[in-house]
PDB file of N, CA and C in Angstrom:
ATOM      1  N   MET A   1      27.229  -9.254  64.032  1.00  0.00           N
ATOM      2  CA  MET A   1      26.753 -10.569  63.665  1.00  0.00           C
ATOM      3  C   MET A   1      26.141 -10.493  62.274  1.00  0.00           C
ATOM      4  N   ARG A   2      26.509 -11.431  61.405  1.00  0.00           N
ATOM      5  CA  ARG A   2      25.966 -11.495  60.051  1.00  0.00           C
ATOM      6  C   ARG A   2      25.091 -12.720  59.888  1.00  0.00           C
ATOM      7  N   TRP A   3      24.056 -12.567  59.115  1.00  0.00           N
ATOM      8  CA  TRP A   3      23.166 -13.686  58.814  1.00  0.00           C
ATOM      9  C   TRP A   3      23.795 -14.505  57.691  1.00  0.00           C
ATOM     10  N   ASN A   4      23.808 -15.816  57.848  1.00  0.00           N
ATOM     11  CA  ASN A   4      24.362 -16.714  56.849  1.00  0.00           C
ATOM     12  C   ASN A   4      23.267 -17.674  56.403  1.00  0.00           C
ATOM     13  N   ARG A   5      22.906 -17.587  55.130  1.00  0.00           N
ATOM     14  CA  ARG A   5      21.819 -18.410  54.591  1.00  0.00           C
ATOM     15  C   ARG A   5      22.086 -19.899  54.772  1.00  0.00           C
ATOM     16  N   ARG A   6      23.333 -20.328  54.618  1.00  0.00           N
ATOM     17  CA  ARG A   6      23.661 -21.753  54.724  1.00  0.00           C
ATOM     18  C   ARG A   6      23.533 -22.292  56.146  1.00  0.00           C
ATOM     19  N   GLU A   7      23.705 -21.426  57.119  1.00  0.00           N
ATOM     20  CA  GLU A   7      23.665 -21.864  58.517  1.00  0.00           C
ATOM     21  C   GLU A   7      22.324 -21.578  59.185  1.00  0.00           C
ATOM     22  N   SER A   8      21.383 -21.020  58.450  1.00  0.00           N
ATOM     23  CA  SER A   8      20.098 -20.642  59.037  1.00  0.00           C
ATOM     24  C   SER A   8      18.957 -21.375  58.349  1.00  0.00           C
ATOM     25  N   ARG A   9      17.945 -21.660  59.115  1.00  0.00           N
ATOM     26  CA  ARG A   9      16.727 -22.241  58.555  1.00  0.00           C
ATOM     27  C   ARG A   9      15.553 -21.384  58.985  1.00  0.00           C
ATOM     28  N   CYS A  10      15.019 -20.652  58.063  1.00  0.00           N
ATOM     29  CA  CYS A  10      13.843 -19.833  58.332  1.00  0.00           C
ATOM     30  C   CYS A  10      12.641 -20.563  57.749  1.00  0.00           C
ATOM     31  N   LEU A  11      11.744 -20.980  58.589  1.00  0.00           N
ATOM     32  CA  LEU A  11      10.587 -21.745  58.130  1.00  0.00           C
ATOM     33  C   LEU A  11       9.423 -20.853  57.730  1.00  0.00           C
ATOM     34  N   GLY A  12       9.471 -19.597  58.130  1.00  0.00           N
ATOM     35  CA  GLY A  12       8.391 -18.696  57.765  1.00  0.00           C
ATOM     36  C   GLY A  12       8.590 -17.312  58.336  1.00  0.00           C
ATOM     37  N   TYR A  13       7.749 -16.406  57.906  1.00  0.00           N
ATOM     38  CA  TYR A  13       7.793 -15.024  58.374  1.00  0.00           C
ATOM     39  C   TYR A  13       6.356 -14.589  58.588  1.00  0.00           C
ATOM     40  N   THR A  14       6.097 -13.990  59.709  1.00  0.00           N
ATOM     41  CA  THR A  14       4.749 -13.497  59.991  1.00  0.00           C
ATOM     42  C   THR A  14       4.822 -11.996  60.224  1.00  0.00           C
ATOM     43  N   ALA A  15       4.091 -11.261  59.446  1.00  0.00           N
ATOM     44  CA  ALA A  15       4.043  -9.814  59.630  1.00  0.00           C
ATOM     45  C   ALA A  15       3.163  -9.495  60.843  1.00  0.00           C
ATOM     46  N   TRP A  16       3.546  -8.471  61.576  1.00  0.00           N
ATOM     47  CA  TRP A  16       2.764  -8.078  62.748  1.00  0.00           C
ATOM     48  C   TRP A  16       1.367  -7.651  62.319  1.00  0.00           C
ATOM     49  N   GLY A  17       1.298  -6.859  61.300  1.00  0.00           N
ATOM     50  CA  GLY A  17       0.026  -6.400  60.750  1.00  0.00           C
ATOM     51  C   GLY A  17       0.295  -5.689  59.444  1.00  0.00           C
ATOM     52  N   CYS A  18      -0.639  -5.716  58.527  1.00  0.00           N
ATOM     53  CA  CYS A  18      -0.388  -5.081  57.237  1.00  0.00           C
ATOM     54  C   CYS A  18      -0.618  -3.573  57.295  1.00  0.00           C
ATOM     55  N   ILE A  19      -1.382  -3.111  58.280  1.00  0.00           N
ATOM     56  CA  ILE A  19      -1.711  -1.692  58.396  1.00  0.00           C
ATOM     57  C   ILE A  19      -1.327  -1.204  59.788  1.00  0.00           C
ATOM     58  N   ASP A  20      -0.915   0.066  59.891  1.00  0.00           N
ATOM     59  CA  ASP A  20      -0.530   0.610  61.193  1.00  0.00           C
ATOM     60  C   ASP A  20      -1.653   0.417  62.203  1.00  0.00           C
ATOM     61  N   LEU A  21      -1.290  -0.074  63.366  1.00  0.00           N
ATOM     62  CA  LEU A  21      -2.251  -0.355  64.422  1.00  0.00           C
ATOM     63  C   LEU A  21      -1.931   0.469  65.663  1.00  0.00           C
ATOM     64  N   VAL A  22      -2.933   0.768  66.443  1.00  0.00           N
ATOM     65  CA  VAL A  22      -2.709   1.401  67.735  1.00  0.00           C
ATOM     66  C   VAL A  22      -2.183   0.329  68.677  1.00  0.00           C
ATOM     67  N   SER A  23      -1.119   0.639  69.394  1.00  0.00           N
ATOM     68  CA  SER A  23      -0.549  -0.309  70.347  1.00  0.00           C
ATOM     69  C   SER A  23      -1.574  -0.638  71.426  1.00  0.00           C
ATOM     70  N   ALA A  24      -1.822  -1.920  71.632  1.00  0.00           N
ATOM     71  CA  ALA A  24      -2.810  -2.342  72.630  1.00  0.00           C
ATOM     72  C   ALA A  24      -2.380  -1.989  74.049  1.00  0.00           C
ATOM     73  N   SER A  25      -1.074  -2.003  74.303  1.00  0.00           N
ATOM     74  CA  SER A  25      -0.604  -1.763  75.670  1.00  0.00           C
ATOM     75  C   SER A  25      -0.440  -0.283  75.995  1.00  0.00           C
ATOM     76  N   THR A  26      -0.071   0.535  74.994  1.00  0.00           N
ATOM     77  CA  THR A  26       0.212   1.945  75.275  1.00  0.00           C
ATOM     78  C   THR A  26      -0.705   2.918  74.550  1.00  0.00           C
ATOM     79  N   GLY A  27      -1.441   2.456  73.561  1.00  0.00           N
ATOM     80  CA  GLY A  27      -2.303   3.344  72.785  1.00  0.00           C
ATOM     81  C   GLY A  27      -1.535   4.239  71.824  1.00  0.00           C
ATOM     82  N   GLU A  28      -0.275   3.934  71.575  1.00  0.00           N
ATOM     83  CA  GLU A  28       0.568   4.759  70.711  1.00  0.00           C
ATOM     84  C   GLU A  28       0.422   4.387  69.241  1.00  0.00           C
ATOM     85  N   MET A  29       0.588   5.390  68.398  1.00  0.00           N
ATOM     86  CA  MET A  29       0.706   5.178  66.958  1.00  0.00           C
ATOM     87  C   MET A  29       2.139   5.424  66.511  1.00  0.00           C
ATOM     88  N   SER A  30       2.997   5.894  67.404  1.00  0.00           N
ATOM     89  CA  SER A  30       4.348   6.291  67.013  1.00  0.00           C
ATOM     90  C   SER A  30       5.249   5.115  66.648  1.00  0.00           C
ATOM     91  N   ARG A  31       4.970   3.945  67.145  1.00  0.00           N
ATOM     92  CA  ARG A  31       5.730   2.749  66.754  1.00  0.00           C
ATOM     93  C   ARG A  31       4.936   2.028  65.686  1.00  0.00           C
ATOM     94  N   ARG A  32       5.529   1.921  64.522  1.00  0.00           N
ATOM     95  CA  ARG A  32       4.792   1.386  63.373  1.00  0.00           C
ATOM     96  C   ARG A  32       5.519   0.179  62.812  1.00  0.00           C
ATOM     97  N   TYR A  33       4.801  -0.904  62.687  1.00  0.00           N
ATOM     98  CA  TYR A  33       5.393  -2.180  62.244  1.00  0.00           C
ATOM     99  C   TYR A  33       4.571  -2.777  61.111  1.00  0.00           C
ATOM    100  N   SER A  34       4.318  -2.033  60.087  1.00  0.00           N
ATOM    101  CA  SER A  34       3.406  -2.517  59.053  1.00  0.00           C
ATOM    102  C   SER A  34       3.889  -2.139  57.666  1.00  0.00           C
ATOM    103  N   PHE A  35       3.070  -2.409  56.675  1.00  0.00           N
ATOM    104  CA  PHE A  35       3.384  -2.116  55.283  1.00  0.00           C
ATOM    105  C   PHE A  35       2.595  -0.929  54.751  1.00  0.00           C
ATOM    106  N   ILE A  36       1.553  -0.537  55.473  1.00  0.00           N
ATOM    107  CA  ILE A  36       0.698   0.570  55.055  1.00  0.00           C
ATOM    108  C   ILE A  36       0.679   1.614  56.166  1.00  0.00           C
ATOM    109  N   TYR A  37       1.070   2.845  55.820  1.00  0.00           N
ATOM    110  CA  TYR A  37       1.113   3.951  56.776  1.00  0.00           C
ATOM    111  C   TYR A  37      -0.283   4.543  56.930  1.00  0.00           C
ATOM    112  N   VAL A  38      -0.671   4.832  58.160  1.00  0.00           N
ATOM    113  CA  VAL A  38      -1.930   5.515  58.443  1.00  0.00           C
ATOM    114  C   VAL A  38      -1.587   6.869  59.047  1.00  0.00           C
ATOM    115  N   ASP A  39      -2.099   7.945  58.430  1.00  0.00           N
ATOM    116  CA  ASP A  39      -1.825   9.298  58.905  1.00  0.00           C
ATOM    117  C   ASP A  39      -2.640   9.561  60.181  1.00  0.00           C
ATOM    118  N   ARG A  40      -2.002   9.246  61.296  1.00  0.00           N
ATOM    119  CA  ARG A  40      -2.613   9.474  62.604  1.00  0.00           C
ATOM    120  C   ARG A  40      -1.489   9.524  63.632  1.00  0.00           C
ATOM    121  N   ASN A  41      -1.611  10.395  64.629  1.00  0.00           N
ATOM    122  CA  ASN A  41      -0.560  10.479  65.641  1.00  0.00           C
ATOM    123  C   ASN A  41      -1.045   9.918  66.977  1.00  0.00           C
ATOM    124  N   ASP A  42      -0.190   9.994  67.985  1.00  0.00           N
ATOM    125  CA  ASP A  42      -0.521   9.436  69.301  1.00  0.00           C
ATOM    126  C   ASP A  42      -1.708  10.126  69.968  1.00  0.00           C
ATOM    127  N   HIS A  43      -2.037  11.334  69.506  1.00  0.00           N
ATOM    128  CA  HIS A  43      -3.147  12.093  70.104  1.00  0.00           C
ATOM    129  C   HIS A  43      -4.450  11.914  69.327  1.00  0.00           C
ATOM    130  N   GLY A  44      -4.439  11.047  68.318  1.00  0.00           N
ATOM    131  CA  GLY A  44      -5.649  10.772  67.545  1.00  0.00           C
ATOM    132  C   GLY A  44      -5.901  11.740  66.413  1.00  0.00           C
ATOM    133  N   HIS A  45      -4.947  12.623  66.128  1.00  0.00           N
ATOM    134  CA  HIS A  45      -5.109  13.586  65.053  1.00  0.00           C
ATOM    135  C   HIS A  45      -4.492  13.069  63.768  1.00  0.00           C
ATOM    136  N   GLY A  46      -5.103  13.421  62.655  1.00  0.00           N
ATOM    137  CA  GLY A  46      -4.608  13.029  61.346  1.00  0.00           C
ATOM    138  C   GLY A  46      -5.763  12.809  60.399  1.00  0.00           C
ATOM    139  N   THR A  47      -5.445  12.602  59.142  1.00  0.00           N
ATOM    140  CA  THR A  47      -6.475  12.443  58.113  1.00  0.00           C
ATOM    141  C   THR A  47      -6.933  10.994  57.968  1.00  0.00           C
ATOM    142  N   LEU A  48      -6.197  10.075  58.560  1.00  0.00           N
ATOM    143  CA  LEU A  48      -6.426   8.634  58.423  1.00  0.00           C
ATOM    144  C   LEU A  48      -6.142   8.134  57.004  1.00  0.00           C
ATOM    145  N   LYS A  49      -5.502   8.988  56.174  1.00  0.00           N
ATOM    146  CA  LYS A  49      -5.121   8.583  54.826  1.00  0.00           C
ATOM    147  C   LYS A  49      -4.115   7.433  54.911  1.00  0.00           C
ATOM    148  N   ARG A  50      -4.268   6.460  54.046  1.00  0.00           N
ATOM    149  CA  ARG A  50      -3.366   5.312  53.998  1.00  0.00           C
ATOM    150  C   ARG A  50      -2.443   5.430  52.799  1.00  0.00           C
ATOM    151  N   SER A  51      -1.182   5.034  52.979  1.00  0.00           N
ATOM    152  CA  SER A  51      -0.234   5.013  51.873  1.00  0.00           C
ATOM    153  C   SER A  51       0.758   3.872  52.077  1.00  0.00           C
ATOM    154  N   LYS A  52       1.230   3.321  50.944  1.00  0.00           N
ATOM    155  CA  LYS A  52       2.176   2.206  50.994  1.00  0.00           C
ATOM    156  C   LYS A  52       3.524   2.676  51.513  1.00  0.00           C
ATOM    157  N   LYS A  53       4.160   1.837  52.317  1.00  0.00           N
ATOM    158  CA  LYS A  53       5.534   2.079  52.745  1.00  0.00           C
ATOM    159  C   LYS A  53       6.459   1.291  51.825  1.00  0.00           C
ATOM    160  N   LYS A  54       7.766   1.597  51.878  1.00  0.00           N
ATOM    161  CA  LYS A  54       8.743   0.848  51.083  1.00  0.00           C
ATOM    162  C   LYS A  54       8.693  -0.639  51.427  1.00  0.00           C
ATOM    163  N   SER A  55       8.414  -0.937  52.689  1.00  0.00           N
ATOM    164  CA  SER A  55       8.401  -2.336  53.118  1.00  0.00           C
ATOM    165  C   SER A  55       7.314  -3.148  52.424  1.00  0.00           C
ATOM    166  N   SER A  56       6.268  -2.491  51.925  1.00  0.00           N
ATOM    167  CA  SER A  56       5.215  -3.248  51.225  1.00  0.00           C
ATOM    168  C   SER A  56       5.742  -3.826  49.917  1.00  0.00           C
ATOM    169  N   ASP A  57       6.573  -3.063  49.214  1.00  0.00           N
ATOM    170  CA  ASP A  57       7.173  -3.575  47.975  1.00  0.00           C
ATOM    171  C   ASP A  57       8.165  -4.695  48.283  1.00  0.00           C
ATOM    172  N   TRP A  58       8.917  -4.533  49.369  1.00  0.00           N
ATOM    173  CA  TRP A  58       9.861  -5.579  49.780  1.00  0.00           C
ATOM    174  C   TRP A  58       9.112  -6.877  50.088  1.00  0.00           C
ATOM    175  N   TYR A  59       8.042  -6.785  50.856  1.00  0.00           N
ATOM    176  CA  TYR A  59       7.287  -7.980  51.231  1.00  0.00           C
ATOM    177  C   TYR A  59       6.644  -8.630  50.008  1.00  0.00           C
ATOM    178  N   LYS A  60       6.180  -7.819  49.071  1.00  0.00           N
ATOM    179  CA  LYS A  60       5.608  -8.350  47.827  1.00  0.00           C
ATOM    180  C   LYS A  60       6.652  -9.180  47.078  1.00  0.00           C
ATOM    181  N   THR A  61       7.902  -8.687  47.033  1.00  0.00           N
ATOM    182  CA  THR A  61       8.988  -9.414  46.375  1.00  0.00           C
ATOM    183  C   THR A  61       9.319 -10.705  47.106  1.00  0.00           C
ATOM    184  N   VAL A  62       9.360 -10.648  48.423  1.00  0.00           N
ATOM    185  CA  VAL A  62       9.639 -11.851  49.223  1.00  0.00           C
ATOM    186  C   VAL A  62       8.594 -12.927  48.940  1.00  0.00           C
ATOM    187  N   ILE A  63       7.335 -12.538  48.903  1.00  0.00           N
ATOM    188  CA  ILE A  63       6.254 -13.495  48.629  1.00  0.00           C
ATOM    189  C   ILE A  63       6.371 -14.048  47.213  1.00  0.00           C
ATOM    190  N   ALA A  64       6.591 -13.158  46.234  1.00  0.00           N
ATOM    191  CA  ALA A  64       6.657 -13.575  44.830  1.00  0.00           C
ATOM    192  C   ALA A  64       7.814 -14.529  44.556  1.00  0.00           C
ATOM    193  N   THR A  65       8.905 -14.391  45.313  1.00  0.00           N
ATOM    194  CA  THR A  65      10.076 -15.239  45.087  1.00  0.00           C
ATOM    195  C   THR A  65      10.159 -16.379  46.098  1.00  0.00           C
ATOM    196  N   ASN A  66       9.117 -16.569  46.860  1.00  0.00           N
ATOM    197  CA  ASN A  66       9.066 -17.618  47.879  1.00  0.00           C
ATOM    198  C   ASN A  66      10.264 -17.517  48.840  1.00  0.00           C
ATOM    199  N   GLY A  67      10.625 -16.278  49.163  1.00  0.00           N
ATOM    200  CA  GLY A  67      11.700 -16.048  50.118  1.00  0.00           C
ATOM    201  C   GLY A  67      13.108 -16.109  49.557  1.00  0.00           C
ATOM    202  N   GLU A  68      13.244 -16.296  48.236  1.00  0.00           N
ATOM    203  CA  GLU A  68      14.577 -16.369  47.643  1.00  0.00           C
ATOM    204  C   GLU A  68      15.236 -14.999  47.560  1.00  0.00           C
ATOM    205  N   ASP A  69      14.453 -13.942  47.381  1.00  0.00           N
ATOM    206  CA  ASP A  69      14.992 -12.578  47.285  1.00  0.00           C
ATOM    207  C   ASP A  69      14.616 -11.813  48.548  1.00  0.00           C
ATOM    208  N   LEU A  70      15.606 -11.641  49.441  1.00  0.00           N
ATOM    209  CA  LEU A  70      15.387 -10.901  50.681  1.00  0.00           C
ATOM    210  C   LEU A  70      16.126  -9.566  50.663  1.00  0.00           C
ATOM    211  N   SER A  71      16.562  -9.143  49.485  1.00  0.00           N
ATOM    212  CA  SER A  71      17.301  -7.883  49.383  1.00  0.00           C
ATOM    213  C   SER A  71      16.376  -6.694  49.620  1.00  0.00           C
ATOM    214  N   ASN A  72      16.963  -5.579  49.980  1.00  0.00           N
ATOM    215  CA  ASN A  72      16.191  -4.357  50.233  1.00  0.00           C
ATOM    216  C   ASN A  72      16.235  -3.412  49.050  1.00  0.00           C
ATOM    217  N   GLU A  73      16.412  -3.920  47.881  1.00  0.00           N
ATOM    218  CA  GLU A  73      16.541  -3.075  46.690  1.00  0.00           C
ATOM    219  C   GLU A  73      15.232  -2.884  45.998  1.00  0.00           C
TER     220      GLU A  73
END
């Protein structure tokens, strides 16, 4: 299935969270849905250092272009 801009109407996009979060249901850190990586594993070990993911630059572009540029470049 391909997405077709002419046949689709996207009214908005909501990010799950900007920073890696512990899953409320499972307590896991292994599933990450954010723009900022947090160095921590499912067992609570790590430095907690934060770093930008590639998706943060993508989201910045989407915002700056008001959704006109959705490319992953």
